Amino acid sequence: MKVEDREWDQVKNPFRPAALDPASYPFFEWALHDGYVFGVEMQGDRLEFSIQDSNLELFCNQYFEEIEEEHETVLSPVRLVFEGVEYANAVRADAEGWFKWDDWSKWQPIEDLRCTDTFLRGWFKEQDGRLQWIGHFHKWPRRSGKLNWSLFVLIDCERASAKPESERALRKKLGDQCYHAWKYVESLPRDEAWLRLGHLRRYLDAKGIPRRHIPHQSER
């Protein structure tokens, strides 16, 4: 099997540890794609990444655009928690393609959202009863031009879990109307995610919530 075929197979058929709550799978794999990295904390053998829920942010952008209301970027961190950590390292390629050890503990402050470090996706492996997670990040290199933007964080741990914001905190942040629309859209099958905007529009119409008028082709 070619290398590229093997990599594609890992994307289509990712390894998912039996000990990991199924609800957590998407957060460690693809659900936080392009989410801003708020930071990382390490206490003893516990490591925790805090990453923006980019899926929720995209939904909120669509929702407020549909109801034609101004809004600020909705920041909602999801905590990726690793416990029983044996090691945590990171590598990135230099200008010649050689991997170099790099610092994974310092991240861009969330000030200008156009210049933040972001999470791309992750993979799990298992060896000798322990979990290995590889996280692929888009991280600003400290030495411009010397190292590639792609940073791979390597973590060996006993357990992992994802902790989104509580329902109560999220409801307070979004407001009841937006929160209920979000919960409806999130309840849809994953294979219909690309139809989310259409589902949102039908939901708003069914609830009698005014939304922007989209001219029919005959009106253009």
N, C-alpha and C. Protein backbone atom coordinates (compact mmCIF):
# COMPACT_ATOMS: atom_id res chain seq x y z
N MET A 1 0.86 -1.20 0.00
CA MET A 1 0.00 0.00 0.00
C MET A 1 0.89 1.25 0.00
N LYS A 2 0.62 2.19 -0.88
CA LYS A 2 1.38 3.43 -0.94
C LYS A 2 1.16 4.25 0.32
N VAL A 3 2.14 5.13 0.62
CA VAL A 3 2.06 5.95 1.82
C VAL A 3 0.80 6.80 1.81
N GLU A 4 0.53 7.46 0.63
CA GLU A 4 -0.64 8.33 0.56
C GLU A 4 -1.94 7.54 0.73
N ASP A 5 -1.96 6.28 0.24
CA ASP A 5 -3.15 5.45 0.41
C ASP A 5 -3.34 5.09 1.87
N ARG A 6 -2.24 4.81 2.57
CA ARG A 6 -2.31 4.46 3.98
C ARG A 6 -2.80 5.65 4.80
N GLU A 7 -2.33 6.86 4.47
CA GLU A 7 -2.76 8.05 5.18
C GLU A 7 -4.26 8.31 4.95
N TRP A 8 -4.71 8.13 3.72
CA TRP A 8 -6.12 8.33 3.41
C TRP A 8 -6.98 7.31 4.15
N ASP A 9 -6.47 6.08 4.28
CA ASP A 9 -7.20 5.04 4.99
C ASP A 9 -7.35 5.41 6.46
N GLN A 10 -6.35 6.07 7.04
CA GLN A 10 -6.43 6.50 8.44
C GLN A 10 -7.49 7.58 8.61
N VAL A 11 -7.66 8.42 7.60
CA VAL A 11 -8.69 9.46 7.67
C VAL A 11 -10.08 8.84 7.57
N LYS A 12 -10.25 7.87 6.64
CA LYS A 12 -11.55 7.24 6.43
C LYS A 12 -11.91 6.29 7.56
N ASN A 13 -10.89 5.60 8.12
CA ASN A 13 -11.12 4.60 9.15
C ASN A 13 -10.21 4.86 10.35
N PRO A 14 -10.46 5.95 11.08
CA PRO A 14 -9.57 6.31 12.18
C PRO A 14 -9.69 5.31 13.34
N PHE A 15 -8.57 5.12 14.04
CA PHE A 15 -8.59 4.29 15.24
C PHE A 15 -9.25 5.08 16.35
N ARG A 16 -10.23 4.48 17.02
CA ARG A 16 -10.94 5.14 18.10
C ARG A 16 -10.87 4.29 19.35
N PRO A 17 -10.14 4.75 20.37
CA PRO A 17 -9.95 3.95 21.59
C PRO A 17 -11.28 3.61 22.25
N ALA A 18 -11.41 2.35 22.70
CA ALA A 18 -12.65 1.91 23.34
C ALA A 18 -12.91 2.67 24.63
N ALA A 19 -11.83 3.12 25.29
CA ALA A 19 -11.99 3.82 26.58
C ALA A 19 -12.44 5.27 26.42
N LEU A 20 -12.42 5.77 25.19
CA LEU A 20 -12.79 7.16 24.95
C LEU A 20 -14.28 7.28 24.71
N ASP A 21 -14.92 8.23 25.39
CA ASP A 21 -16.35 8.48 25.20
C ASP A 21 -16.61 8.81 23.73
N PRO A 22 -17.52 8.06 23.06
CA PRO A 22 -17.79 8.31 21.64
C PRO A 22 -18.12 9.77 21.33
N ALA A 23 -18.73 10.47 22.29
CA ALA A 23 -19.07 11.88 22.06
C ALA A 23 -17.82 12.75 21.94
N SER A 24 -16.69 12.23 22.44
CA SER A 24 -15.44 12.99 22.39
C SER A 24 -14.68 12.80 21.09
N TYR A 25 -14.95 11.71 20.37
CA TYR A 25 -14.19 11.40 19.15
C TYR A 25 -14.02 12.60 18.22
N PRO A 26 -15.13 13.24 17.81
CA PRO A 26 -14.99 14.31 16.79
C PRO A 26 -14.06 15.44 17.23
N PHE A 27 -14.06 15.77 18.52
CA PHE A 27 -13.23 16.88 18.99
C PHE A 27 -11.74 16.58 18.83
N PHE A 28 -11.35 15.34 19.00
CA PHE A 28 -9.95 14.97 18.86
C PHE A 28 -9.56 14.75 17.40
N GLU A 29 -10.54 14.62 16.52
CA GLU A 29 -10.25 14.31 15.12
C GLU A 29 -10.43 15.54 14.23
N TRP A 30 -11.67 15.95 13.94
CA TRP A 30 -11.89 16.98 12.92
C TRP A 30 -12.84 18.09 13.33
N ALA A 31 -13.63 17.91 14.41
CA ALA A 31 -14.70 18.87 14.72
C ALA A 31 -14.17 20.25 15.09
N LEU A 32 -12.92 20.35 15.55
CA LEU A 32 -12.36 21.65 15.94
C LEU A 32 -11.44 22.22 14.86
N HIS A 33 -11.58 21.72 13.63
CA HIS A 33 -10.72 22.17 12.53
C HIS A 33 -10.76 23.68 12.40
N ASP A 34 -9.57 24.29 12.35
CA ASP A 34 -9.39 25.74 12.25
C ASP A 34 -9.78 26.47 13.53
N GLY A 35 -9.93 25.75 14.64
CA GLY A 35 -10.24 26.40 15.91
C GLY A 35 -9.01 27.08 16.50
N TYR A 36 -9.19 28.30 17.02
CA TYR A 36 -8.08 29.03 17.63
C TYR A 36 -7.59 28.27 18.87
N VAL A 37 -6.28 28.28 19.07
CA VAL A 37 -5.71 27.67 20.27
C VAL A 37 -5.61 28.75 21.36
N PHE A 38 -6.40 28.57 22.43
CA PHE A 38 -6.36 29.54 23.53
C PHE A 38 -5.12 29.34 24.39
N GLY A 39 -4.65 28.09 24.47
CA GLY A 39 -3.47 27.83 25.27
C GLY A 39 -3.40 26.39 25.71
N VAL A 40 -2.37 26.09 26.49
CA VAL A 40 -2.16 24.73 26.99
C VAL A 40 -1.68 24.83 28.44
N GLU A 41 -2.14 23.89 29.27
CA GLU A 41 -1.72 23.84 30.66
C GLU A 41 -1.19 22.44 30.98
N MET A 42 -0.14 22.38 31.77
CA MET A 42 0.45 21.11 32.18
C MET A 42 0.62 21.14 33.68
N GLN A 43 -0.05 20.22 34.38
CA GLN A 43 0.08 20.10 35.83
C GLN A 43 0.33 18.63 36.16
N GLY A 44 1.52 18.34 36.64
CA GLY A 44 1.85 16.96 36.92
C GLY A 44 1.80 16.13 35.65
N ASP A 45 1.00 15.05 35.69
CA ASP A 45 0.88 14.21 34.48
C ASP A 45 -0.43 14.47 33.75
N ARG A 46 -0.98 15.67 33.92
CA ARG A 46 -2.22 16.06 33.25
C ARG A 46 -1.94 17.23 32.30
N LEU A 47 -2.34 17.09 31.06
CA LEU A 47 -2.12 18.13 30.05
C LEU A 47 -3.48 18.50 29.45
N GLU A 48 -3.68 19.78 29.23
CA GLU A 48 -4.97 20.24 28.72
C GLU A 48 -4.80 21.33 27.67
N PHE A 49 -5.30 21.06 26.47
CA PHE A 49 -5.38 22.06 25.41
C PHE A 49 -6.75 22.72 25.46
N SER A 50 -6.80 24.01 25.22
CA SER A 50 -8.06 24.74 25.13
C SER A 50 -8.18 25.30 23.71
N ILE A 51 -9.20 24.82 22.97
CA ILE A 51 -9.32 25.13 21.54
C ILE A 51 -10.74 25.62 21.23
N GLN A 52 -10.82 26.62 20.40
CA GLN A 52 -12.10 27.19 20.00
C GLN A 52 -13.00 26.16 19.31
N ASP A 53 -14.27 26.16 19.65
CA ASP A 53 -15.25 25.31 18.97
C ASP A 53 -15.59 25.97 17.63
N SER A 54 -14.81 25.66 16.61
CA SER A 54 -14.97 26.30 15.30
C SER A 54 -16.29 25.93 14.64
N ASN A 55 -16.81 24.75 14.95
CA ASN A 55 -18.09 24.32 14.40
C ASN A 55 -19.21 25.22 14.92
N LEU A 56 -19.19 25.51 16.20
CA LEU A 56 -20.17 26.41 16.80
C LEU A 56 -20.01 27.83 16.25
N GLU A 57 -18.77 28.27 16.09
CA GLU A 57 -18.52 29.61 15.56
C GLU A 57 -19.11 29.75 14.16
N LEU A 58 -18.90 28.74 13.30
CA LEU A 58 -19.43 28.78 11.94
C LEU A 58 -20.95 28.83 11.97
N PHE A 59 -21.56 28.01 12.83
CA PHE A 59 -23.01 28.02 12.94
C PHE A 59 -23.51 29.41 13.33
N CYS A 60 -22.89 30.01 14.35
CA CYS A 60 -23.35 31.32 14.82
C CYS A 60 -23.20 32.38 13.73
N ASN A 61 -22.14 32.30 12.96
CA ASN A 61 -21.98 33.25 11.84
C ASN A 61 -23.14 33.10 10.86
N GLN A 62 -23.51 31.85 10.54
CA GLN A 62 -24.62 31.60 9.62
C GLN A 62 -25.94 32.04 10.23
N TYR A 63 -26.13 31.74 11.49
CA TYR A 63 -27.39 32.06 12.16
C TYR A 63 -27.64 33.57 12.18
N PHE A 64 -26.66 34.33 12.65
CA PHE A 64 -26.87 35.78 12.77
C PHE A 64 -26.92 36.46 11.40
N GLU A 65 -26.25 35.88 10.41
CA GLU A 65 -26.37 36.41 9.05
C GLU A 65 -27.78 36.19 8.52
N GLU A 66 -28.36 35.02 8.82
CA GLU A 66 -29.71 34.72 8.36
C GLU A 66 -30.76 35.64 8.99
N ILE A 67 -30.61 35.93 10.27
CA ILE A 67 -31.61 36.78 10.94
C ILE A 67 -31.21 38.26 10.87
N GLU A 68 -30.10 38.53 10.17
CA GLU A 68 -29.62 39.89 9.90
C GLU A 68 -29.41 40.69 11.17
N GLU A 69 -28.61 40.11 12.06
CA GLU A 69 -28.23 40.80 13.30
C GLU A 69 -26.71 40.85 13.39
N GLU A 70 -26.19 41.99 13.86
CA GLU A 70 -24.76 42.10 14.09
C GLU A 70 -24.38 41.27 15.32
N HIS A 71 -23.19 40.71 15.29
CA HIS A 71 -22.74 39.95 16.45
C HIS A 71 -21.22 39.89 16.47
N GLU A 72 -20.67 39.69 17.65
CA GLU A 72 -19.23 39.49 17.78
C GLU A 72 -18.93 38.01 17.64
N THR A 73 -17.67 37.70 17.34
CA THR A 73 -17.27 36.30 17.23
C THR A 73 -17.58 35.57 18.53
N VAL A 74 -18.28 34.45 18.43
CA VAL A 74 -18.63 33.66 19.61
C VAL A 74 -17.45 32.77 19.96
N LEU A 75 -16.81 33.04 21.09
CA LEU A 75 -15.68 32.25 21.55
C LEU A 75 -16.16 31.22 22.56
N SER A 76 -15.93 29.96 22.26
CA SER A 76 -16.39 28.87 23.12
C SER A 76 -15.32 27.78 23.15
N PRO A 77 -14.49 27.76 24.18
CA PRO A 77 -13.39 26.79 24.22
C PRO A 77 -13.83 25.37 24.55
N VAL A 78 -13.21 24.42 23.87
CA VAL A 78 -13.36 23.00 24.21
C VAL A 78 -12.02 22.55 24.79
N ARG A 79 -12.07 21.88 25.92
CA ARG A 79 -10.83 21.43 26.57
C ARG A 79 -10.54 19.98 26.17
N LEU A 80 -9.39 19.76 25.58
CA LEU A 80 -8.92 18.41 25.28
C LEU A 80 -7.98 18.01 26.42
N VAL A 81 -8.43 17.05 27.22
CA VAL A 81 -7.73 16.70 28.46
C VAL A 81 -7.03 15.35 28.29
N PHE A 82 -5.74 15.32 28.62
CA PHE A 82 -4.93 14.09 28.58
C PHE A 82 -4.43 13.83 30.00
N GLU A 83 -4.66 12.61 30.50
CA GLU A 83 -4.25 12.26 31.86
C GLU A 83 -3.29 11.08 31.83
N GLY A 84 -2.45 11.03 32.86
CA GLY A 84 -1.43 9.98 32.89
C GLY A 84 -0.42 10.15 31.77
N VAL A 85 -0.04 11.42 31.52
CA VAL A 85 0.86 11.72 30.40
C VAL A 85 2.28 11.26 30.72
N GLU A 86 2.83 10.47 29.84
CA GLU A 86 4.21 9.99 29.98
C GLU A 86 5.17 10.94 29.29
N TYR A 87 4.79 11.43 28.11
CA TYR A 87 5.60 12.43 27.44
C TYR A 87 4.73 13.27 26.52
N ALA A 88 5.20 14.47 26.23
CA ALA A 88 4.55 15.37 25.28
C ALA A 88 5.65 16.13 24.56
N ASN A 89 5.73 15.96 23.26
CA ASN A 89 6.75 16.62 22.46
C ASN A 89 6.10 17.19 21.19
N ALA A 90 6.89 17.90 20.41
CA ALA A 90 6.37 18.42 19.15
C ALA A 90 7.49 18.54 18.14
N VAL A 91 7.15 18.34 16.88
CA VAL A 91 8.11 18.48 15.79
C VAL A 91 7.49 19.30 14.66
N ARG A 92 8.37 19.91 13.89
CA ARG A 92 7.94 20.55 12.64
C ARG A 92 9.11 20.53 11.67
N ALA A 93 8.79 20.62 10.40
CA ALA A 93 9.83 20.49 9.37
C ALA A 93 10.56 21.81 9.16
N ASP A 94 11.86 21.70 8.87
CA ASP A 94 12.61 22.90 8.53
C ASP A 94 12.52 23.14 7.02
N ALA A 95 13.27 24.10 6.52
CA ALA A 95 13.18 24.47 5.11
C ALA A 95 13.57 23.33 4.16
N GLU A 96 14.33 22.36 4.66
CA GLU A 96 14.77 21.24 3.83
C GLU A 96 13.92 19.99 4.04
N GLY A 97 12.89 20.11 4.86
CA GLY A 97 11.99 18.98 5.07
C GLY A 97 12.35 18.06 6.21
N TRP A 98 13.41 18.39 6.98
CA TRP A 98 13.79 17.56 8.12
C TRP A 98 12.99 17.97 9.35
N PHE A 99 12.50 16.98 10.09
CA PHE A 99 11.76 17.28 11.30
C PHE A 99 12.71 17.73 12.41
N LYS A 100 12.30 18.77 13.11
CA LYS A 100 13.07 19.31 14.23
C LYS A 100 12.16 19.39 15.45
N TRP A 101 12.76 19.11 16.63
CA TRP A 101 11.98 19.30 17.85
C TRP A 101 11.65 20.77 17.98
N ASP A 102 10.45 21.06 18.48
CA ASP A 102 10.04 22.46 18.60
C ASP A 102 9.22 22.65 19.87
N ASP A 103 9.13 23.90 20.30
CA ASP A 103 8.41 24.23 21.53
C ASP A 103 6.90 24.18 21.29
N TRP A 104 6.18 23.41 22.09
CA TRP A 104 4.73 23.30 21.96
C TRP A 104 4.01 24.00 23.10
N SER A 105 4.76 24.59 24.03
CA SER A 105 4.14 25.14 25.25
C SER A 105 3.69 26.59 25.12
N LYS A 106 4.18 27.28 24.10
CA LYS A 106 3.83 28.71 23.93
C LYS A 106 3.03 28.89 22.65
N TRP A 107 1.90 29.63 22.79
CA TRP A 107 0.99 29.84 21.66
C TRP A 107 0.65 31.32 21.54
N GLN A 108 0.28 31.72 20.33
CA GLN A 108 -0.07 33.12 20.08
C GLN A 108 -1.25 33.54 20.97
N PRO A 109 -1.17 34.71 21.61
CA PRO A 109 -2.32 35.18 22.41
C PRO A 109 -3.51 35.48 21.51
N ILE A 110 -4.72 35.25 22.04
CA ILE A 110 -5.94 35.50 21.27
C ILE A 110 -6.24 37.00 21.32
N GLU A 111 -5.62 37.73 20.42
CA GLU A 111 -5.84 39.18 20.34
C GLU A 111 -6.37 39.54 18.95
N ASP A 112 -5.61 39.21 17.94
CA ASP A 112 -6.04 39.41 16.56
C ASP A 112 -6.37 38.04 15.98
N LEU A 113 -7.66 37.77 15.72
CA LEU A 113 -8.08 36.45 15.27
C LEU A 113 -7.53 36.10 13.89
N ARG A 114 -6.95 37.07 13.20
CA ARG A 114 -6.35 36.78 11.90
C ARG A 114 -4.94 36.21 12.05
N CYS A 115 -4.39 36.30 13.24
CA CYS A 115 -2.99 35.89 13.44
C CYS A 115 -2.86 34.90 14.60
N THR A 116 -3.80 33.99 14.71
CA THR A 116 -3.76 33.03 15.80
C THR A 116 -3.25 31.68 15.33
N ASP A 117 -2.80 30.88 16.29
CA ASP A 117 -2.46 29.48 16.02
C ASP A 117 -3.76 28.69 15.99
N THR A 118 -3.85 27.71 15.12
CA THR A 118 -5.09 26.94 14.99
C THR A 118 -4.84 25.44 14.97
N PHE A 119 -5.86 24.70 15.34
CA PHE A 119 -5.83 23.24 15.32
C PHE A 119 -6.39 22.76 13.98
N LEU A 120 -5.77 21.76 13.38
CA LEU A 120 -6.24 21.23 12.10
C LEU A 120 -6.98 19.90 12.28
N ARG A 121 -6.31 18.88 12.80
CA ARG A 121 -6.98 17.61 13.07
C ARG A 121 -6.04 16.73 13.90
N GLY A 122 -6.55 15.59 14.36
CA GLY A 122 -5.73 14.71 15.18
C GLY A 122 -6.00 13.24 14.89
N TRP A 123 -5.11 12.37 15.38
CA TRP A 123 -5.24 10.92 15.20
C TRP A 123 -4.86 10.23 16.51
N PHE A 124 -5.50 9.12 16.78
CA PHE A 124 -5.13 8.28 17.93
C PHE A 124 -4.44 7.02 17.45
N LYS A 125 -3.50 6.56 18.25
CA LYS A 125 -2.88 5.24 18.10
C LYS A 125 -2.89 4.60 19.48
N GLU A 126 -2.59 3.32 19.53
CA GLU A 126 -2.51 2.63 20.82
C GLU A 126 -1.32 1.69 20.81
N GLN A 127 -0.56 1.70 21.90
CA GLN A 127 0.61 0.82 22.00
C GLN A 127 0.83 0.45 23.46
N ASP A 128 0.95 -0.86 23.71
CA ASP A 128 1.20 -1.37 25.07
C ASP A 128 0.16 -0.85 26.06
N GLY A 129 -1.09 -0.79 25.60
CA GLY A 129 -2.17 -0.37 26.49
C GLY A 129 -2.25 1.12 26.76
N ARG A 130 -1.44 1.91 26.07
CA ARG A 130 -1.45 3.35 26.26
C ARG A 130 -1.87 4.05 24.96
N LEU A 131 -2.37 5.26 25.12
CA LEU A 131 -2.83 6.02 23.97
C LEU A 131 -1.73 6.96 23.48
N GLN A 132 -1.60 7.05 22.18
CA GLN A 132 -0.75 8.07 21.56
C GLN A 132 -1.63 8.94 20.67
N TRP A 133 -1.54 10.23 20.87
CA TRP A 133 -2.32 11.18 20.07
C TRP A 133 -1.37 12.08 19.32
N ILE A 134 -1.65 12.26 18.03
CA ILE A 134 -0.88 13.19 17.20
C ILE A 134 -1.83 14.32 16.82
N GLY A 135 -1.49 15.52 17.23
CA GLY A 135 -2.30 16.69 16.89
C GLY A 135 -1.58 17.54 15.86
N HIS A 136 -2.25 17.84 14.76
CA HIS A 136 -1.67 18.66 13.69
C HIS A 136 -2.18 20.09 13.86
N PHE A 137 -1.26 21.02 14.07
CA PHE A 137 -1.61 22.42 14.31
C PHE A 137 -0.97 23.32 13.25
N HIS A 138 -1.60 24.45 13.03
CA HIS A 138 -1.03 25.51 12.19
C HIS A 138 -0.51 26.55 13.19
N LYS A 139 0.79 26.54 13.42
CA LYS A 139 1.38 27.37 14.47
C LYS A 139 2.42 28.32 13.90
N TRP A 140 2.30 29.58 14.25
CA TRP A 140 3.26 30.58 13.78
C TRP A 140 4.65 30.23 14.28
N PRO A 141 5.63 30.05 13.37
CA PRO A 141 6.99 29.74 13.81
C PRO A 141 7.65 30.98 14.42
N ARG A 142 8.43 30.76 15.46
CA ARG A 142 9.11 31.89 16.10
C ARG A 142 10.21 32.46 15.21
N ARG A 143 10.81 31.58 14.41
CA ARG A 143 11.87 32.03 13.50
C ARG A 143 11.32 32.00 12.08
N SER A 144 10.82 33.12 11.63
CA SER A 144 10.17 33.19 10.32
C SER A 144 11.11 32.72 9.21
N GLY A 145 10.58 31.83 8.36
CA GLY A 145 11.35 31.35 7.23
C GLY A 145 12.23 30.16 7.54
N LYS A 146 12.40 29.85 8.82
CA LYS A 146 13.28 28.74 9.22
C LYS A 146 12.51 27.43 9.35
N LEU A 147 11.29 27.49 9.82
CA LEU A 147 10.51 26.28 10.08
C LEU A 147 9.15 26.35 9.42
N ASN A 148 8.62 25.17 9.11
CA ASN A 148 7.31 25.05 8.48
C ASN A 148 6.21 25.48 9.45
N TRP A 149 5.06 25.86 8.91
CA TRP A 149 3.93 26.28 9.76
C TRP A 149 3.26 25.10 10.45
N SER A 150 3.38 23.91 9.88
CA SER A 150 2.72 22.74 10.46
C SER A 150 3.50 22.21 11.66
N LEU A 151 2.83 22.18 12.81
CA LEU A 151 3.42 21.64 14.04
C LEU A 151 2.66 20.38 14.42
N PHE A 152 3.39 19.31 14.72
CA PHE A 152 2.78 18.04 15.13
C PHE A 152 3.10 17.80 16.60
N VAL A 153 2.06 17.80 17.43
CA VAL A 153 2.22 17.56 18.86
C VAL A 153 2.01 16.07 19.11
N LEU A 154 2.92 15.45 19.85
CA LEU A 154 2.90 14.01 20.11
C LEU A 154 2.69 13.79 21.61
N ILE A 155 1.62 13.12 21.99
CA ILE A 155 1.29 12.92 23.40
C ILE A 155 1.06 11.44 23.68
N ASP A 156 1.71 10.92 24.70
CA ASP A 156 1.50 9.55 25.17
C ASP A 156 0.80 9.65 26.53
N CYS A 157 -0.37 9.00 26.66
CA CYS A 157 -1.15 9.15 27.89
C CYS A 157 -1.95 7.89 28.20
N GLU A 158 -2.55 7.87 29.39
CA GLU A 158 -3.41 6.75 29.79
C GLU A 158 -4.86 6.98 29.36
N ARG A 159 -5.32 8.22 29.50
CA ARG A 159 -6.73 8.54 29.23
C ARG A 159 -6.83 9.90 28.53
N ALA A 160 -7.93 10.06 27.80
CA ALA A 160 -8.18 11.35 27.14
C ALA A 160 -9.69 11.62 27.15
N SER A 161 -10.06 12.88 27.24
CA SER A 161 -11.48 13.25 27.23
C SER A 161 -11.61 14.67 26.68
N ALA A 162 -12.76 14.96 26.10
CA ALA A 162 -13.05 16.30 25.58
C ALA A 162 -14.16 16.92 26.42
N LYS A 163 -13.99 18.17 26.79
CA LYS A 163 -14.95 18.84 27.66
C LYS A 163 -15.38 20.18 27.05
N PRO A 164 -16.50 20.19 26.31
CA PRO A 164 -17.02 21.46 25.79
C PRO A 164 -17.59 22.30 26.94
N GLU A 165 -17.95 23.53 26.62
CA GLU A 165 -18.60 24.37 27.62
C GLU A 165 -19.89 23.71 28.09
N SER A 166 -20.29 23.98 29.33
CA SER A 166 -21.52 23.41 29.86
C SER A 166 -22.72 23.96 29.08
N GLU A 167 -23.80 23.18 29.06
CA GLU A 167 -25.02 23.62 28.37
C GLU A 167 -25.52 24.94 28.95
N ARG A 168 -25.42 25.08 30.25
CA ARG A 168 -25.89 26.30 30.90
C ARG A 168 -25.10 27.52 30.44
N ALA A 169 -23.77 27.38 30.41
CA ALA A 169 -22.92 28.49 29.99
C ALA A 169 -23.15 28.82 28.52
N LEU A 170 -23.33 27.79 27.70
CA LEU A 170 -23.53 27.99 26.27
C LEU A 170 -24.87 28.68 26.00
N ARG A 171 -25.88 28.26 26.73
CA ARG A 171 -27.21 28.87 26.55
C ARG A 171 -27.19 30.35 26.93
N LYS A 172 -26.47 30.67 27.99
CA LYS A 172 -26.35 32.06 28.43
C LYS A 172 -25.60 32.88 27.40
N LYS A 173 -24.60 32.29 26.80
CA LYS A 173 -23.76 32.99 25.83
C LYS A 173 -24.49 33.24 24.51
N LEU A 174 -25.26 32.25 24.04
CA LEU A 174 -25.93 32.35 22.75
C LEU A 174 -27.30 33.01 22.82
N GLY A 175 -27.96 32.89 23.96
CA GLY A 175 -29.36 33.30 24.04
C GLY A 175 -30.25 32.12 23.68
N ASP A 176 -31.46 32.09 24.21
CA ASP A 176 -32.34 30.93 24.04
C ASP A 176 -32.61 30.61 22.58
N GLN A 177 -32.91 31.62 21.77
CA GLN A 177 -33.32 31.38 20.39
C GLN A 177 -32.20 30.75 19.57
N CYS A 178 -31.01 31.29 19.68
CA CYS A 178 -29.85 30.76 18.95
C CYS A 178 -29.47 29.39 19.51
N TYR A 179 -29.52 29.24 20.82
CA TYR A 179 -29.16 27.97 21.47
C TYR A 179 -30.04 26.83 20.97
N HIS A 180 -31.36 27.05 20.92
CA HIS A 180 -32.27 25.99 20.48
C HIS A 180 -32.05 25.65 19.01
N ALA A 181 -31.74 26.66 18.20
CA ALA A 181 -31.44 26.40 16.78
C ALA A 181 -30.17 25.56 16.67
N TRP A 182 -29.18 25.88 17.48
CA TRP A 182 -27.92 25.12 17.49
C TRP A 182 -28.15 23.67 17.88
N LYS A 183 -28.94 23.45 18.92
CA LYS A 183 -29.20 22.09 19.38
C LYS A 183 -29.95 21.29 18.32
N TYR A 184 -30.84 21.95 17.59
CA TYR A 184 -31.57 21.26 16.53
C TYR A 184 -30.61 20.83 15.42
N VAL A 185 -29.78 21.77 14.98
CA VAL A 185 -28.86 21.46 13.88
C VAL A 185 -27.86 20.39 14.30
N GLU A 186 -27.40 20.44 15.56
CA GLU A 186 -26.45 19.45 16.06
C GLU A 186 -27.06 18.06 16.16
N SER A 187 -28.39 17.98 16.25
CA SER A 187 -29.05 16.67 16.38
C SER A 187 -29.16 15.94 15.04
N LEU A 188 -28.86 16.64 13.95
CA LEU A 188 -28.97 16.03 12.62
C LEU A 188 -27.83 15.04 12.39
N PRO A 189 -28.04 14.05 11.52
CA PRO A 189 -26.98 13.09 11.20
C PRO A 189 -25.73 13.79 10.67
N ARG A 190 -24.56 13.24 11.02
CA ARG A 190 -23.30 13.85 10.62
C ARG A 190 -23.16 13.94 9.11
N ASP A 191 -23.74 12.97 8.39
CA ASP A 191 -23.57 12.99 6.94
C ASP A 191 -24.42 14.07 6.28
N GLU A 192 -25.20 14.81 7.08
CA GLU A 192 -25.98 15.92 6.54
C GLU A 192 -25.40 17.26 6.97
N ALA A 193 -24.19 17.24 7.53
CA ALA A 193 -23.58 18.48 8.02
C ALA A 193 -23.44 19.52 6.91
N TRP A 194 -23.16 19.05 5.70
CA TRP A 194 -22.97 20.00 4.59
C TRP A 194 -24.29 20.66 4.18
N LEU A 195 -25.42 20.13 4.68
CA LEU A 195 -26.73 20.71 4.39
C LEU A 195 -27.22 21.60 5.54
N ARG A 196 -26.32 21.92 6.47
CA ARG A 196 -26.71 22.61 7.69
C ARG A 196 -27.43 23.92 7.44
N LEU A 197 -26.96 24.72 6.49
CA LEU A 197 -27.58 26.02 6.24
C LEU A 197 -29.02 25.85 5.79
N GLY A 198 -29.28 24.87 4.92
CA GLY A 198 -30.64 24.62 4.48
C GLY A 198 -31.54 24.19 5.63
N HIS A 199 -31.03 23.32 6.51
CA HIS A 199 -31.78 22.89 7.68
C HIS A 199 -32.06 24.08 8.61
N LEU A 200 -31.06 24.95 8.77
CA LEU A 200 -31.24 26.13 9.62
C LEU A 200 -32.34 27.02 9.07
N ARG A 201 -32.36 27.24 7.77
CA ARG A 201 -33.39 28.09 7.17
C ARG A 201 -34.78 27.50 7.35
N ARG A 202 -34.89 26.18 7.17
CA ARG A 202 -36.19 25.53 7.38
C ARG A 202 -36.62 25.61 8.84
N TYR A 203 -35.66 25.50 9.75
CA TYR A 203 -35.96 25.60 11.18
C TYR A 203 -36.48 27.00 11.51
N LEU A 204 -35.81 28.03 11.01
CA LEU A 204 -36.24 29.41 11.28
C LEU A 204 -37.64 29.66 10.72
N ASP A 205 -37.91 29.14 9.53
CA ASP A 205 -39.24 29.31 8.93
C ASP A 205 -40.29 28.60 9.76
N ALA A 206 -39.99 27.38 10.20
CA ALA A 206 -40.95 26.60 10.99
C ALA A 206 -41.26 27.28 12.32
N LYS A 207 -40.28 27.97 12.89
CA LYS A 207 -40.46 28.66 14.17
C LYS A 207 -41.01 30.07 14.01
N GLY A 208 -41.17 30.49 12.76
CA GLY A 208 -41.68 31.83 12.51
C GLY A 208 -40.68 32.93 12.84
N ILE A 209 -39.41 32.61 12.76
CA ILE A 209 -38.36 33.59 13.06
C ILE A 209 -37.96 34.29 11.75
N PRO A 210 -38.16 35.60 11.67
CA PRO A 210 -37.85 36.32 10.43
C PRO A 210 -36.39 36.14 10.03
N ARG A 211 -36.16 35.94 8.74
CA ARG A 211 -34.80 35.83 8.23
C ARG A 211 -34.69 36.59 6.92
N ARG A 212 -33.47 36.75 6.45
CA ARG A 212 -33.24 37.54 5.24
C ARG A 212 -33.93 36.89 4.04
N HIS A 213 -34.36 37.74 3.12
CA HIS A 213 -35.01 37.25 1.91
C HIS A 213 -33.94 36.93 0.86
N ILE A 214 -33.99 35.71 0.34
CA ILE A 214 -33.08 35.30 -0.71
C ILE A 214 -33.87 35.26 -2.01
N PRO A 215 -33.60 36.18 -2.93
CA PRO A 215 -34.40 36.25 -4.17
C PRO A 215 -34.35 34.95 -4.97
N HIS A 216 -35.51 34.56 -5.48
CA HIS A 216 -35.57 33.42 -6.39
C HIS A 216 -34.89 33.83 -7.70
N GLN A 217 -34.47 32.86 -8.47
CA GLN A 217 -33.77 33.16 -9.72
C GLN A 217 -34.60 34.06 -10.61
N SER A 218 -35.92 33.92 -10.57
CA SER A 218 -36.79 34.73 -11.41
C SER A 218 -36.84 36.19 -10.97
N GLU A 219 -36.40 36.45 -9.71
CA GLU A 219 -36.44 37.81 -9.19
C GLU A 219 -35.11 38.55 -9.42
N ARG A 220 -34.11 37.83 -9.89
CA ARG A 220 -32.79 38.46 -10.02
C ARG A 220 -32.64 39.18 -11.36
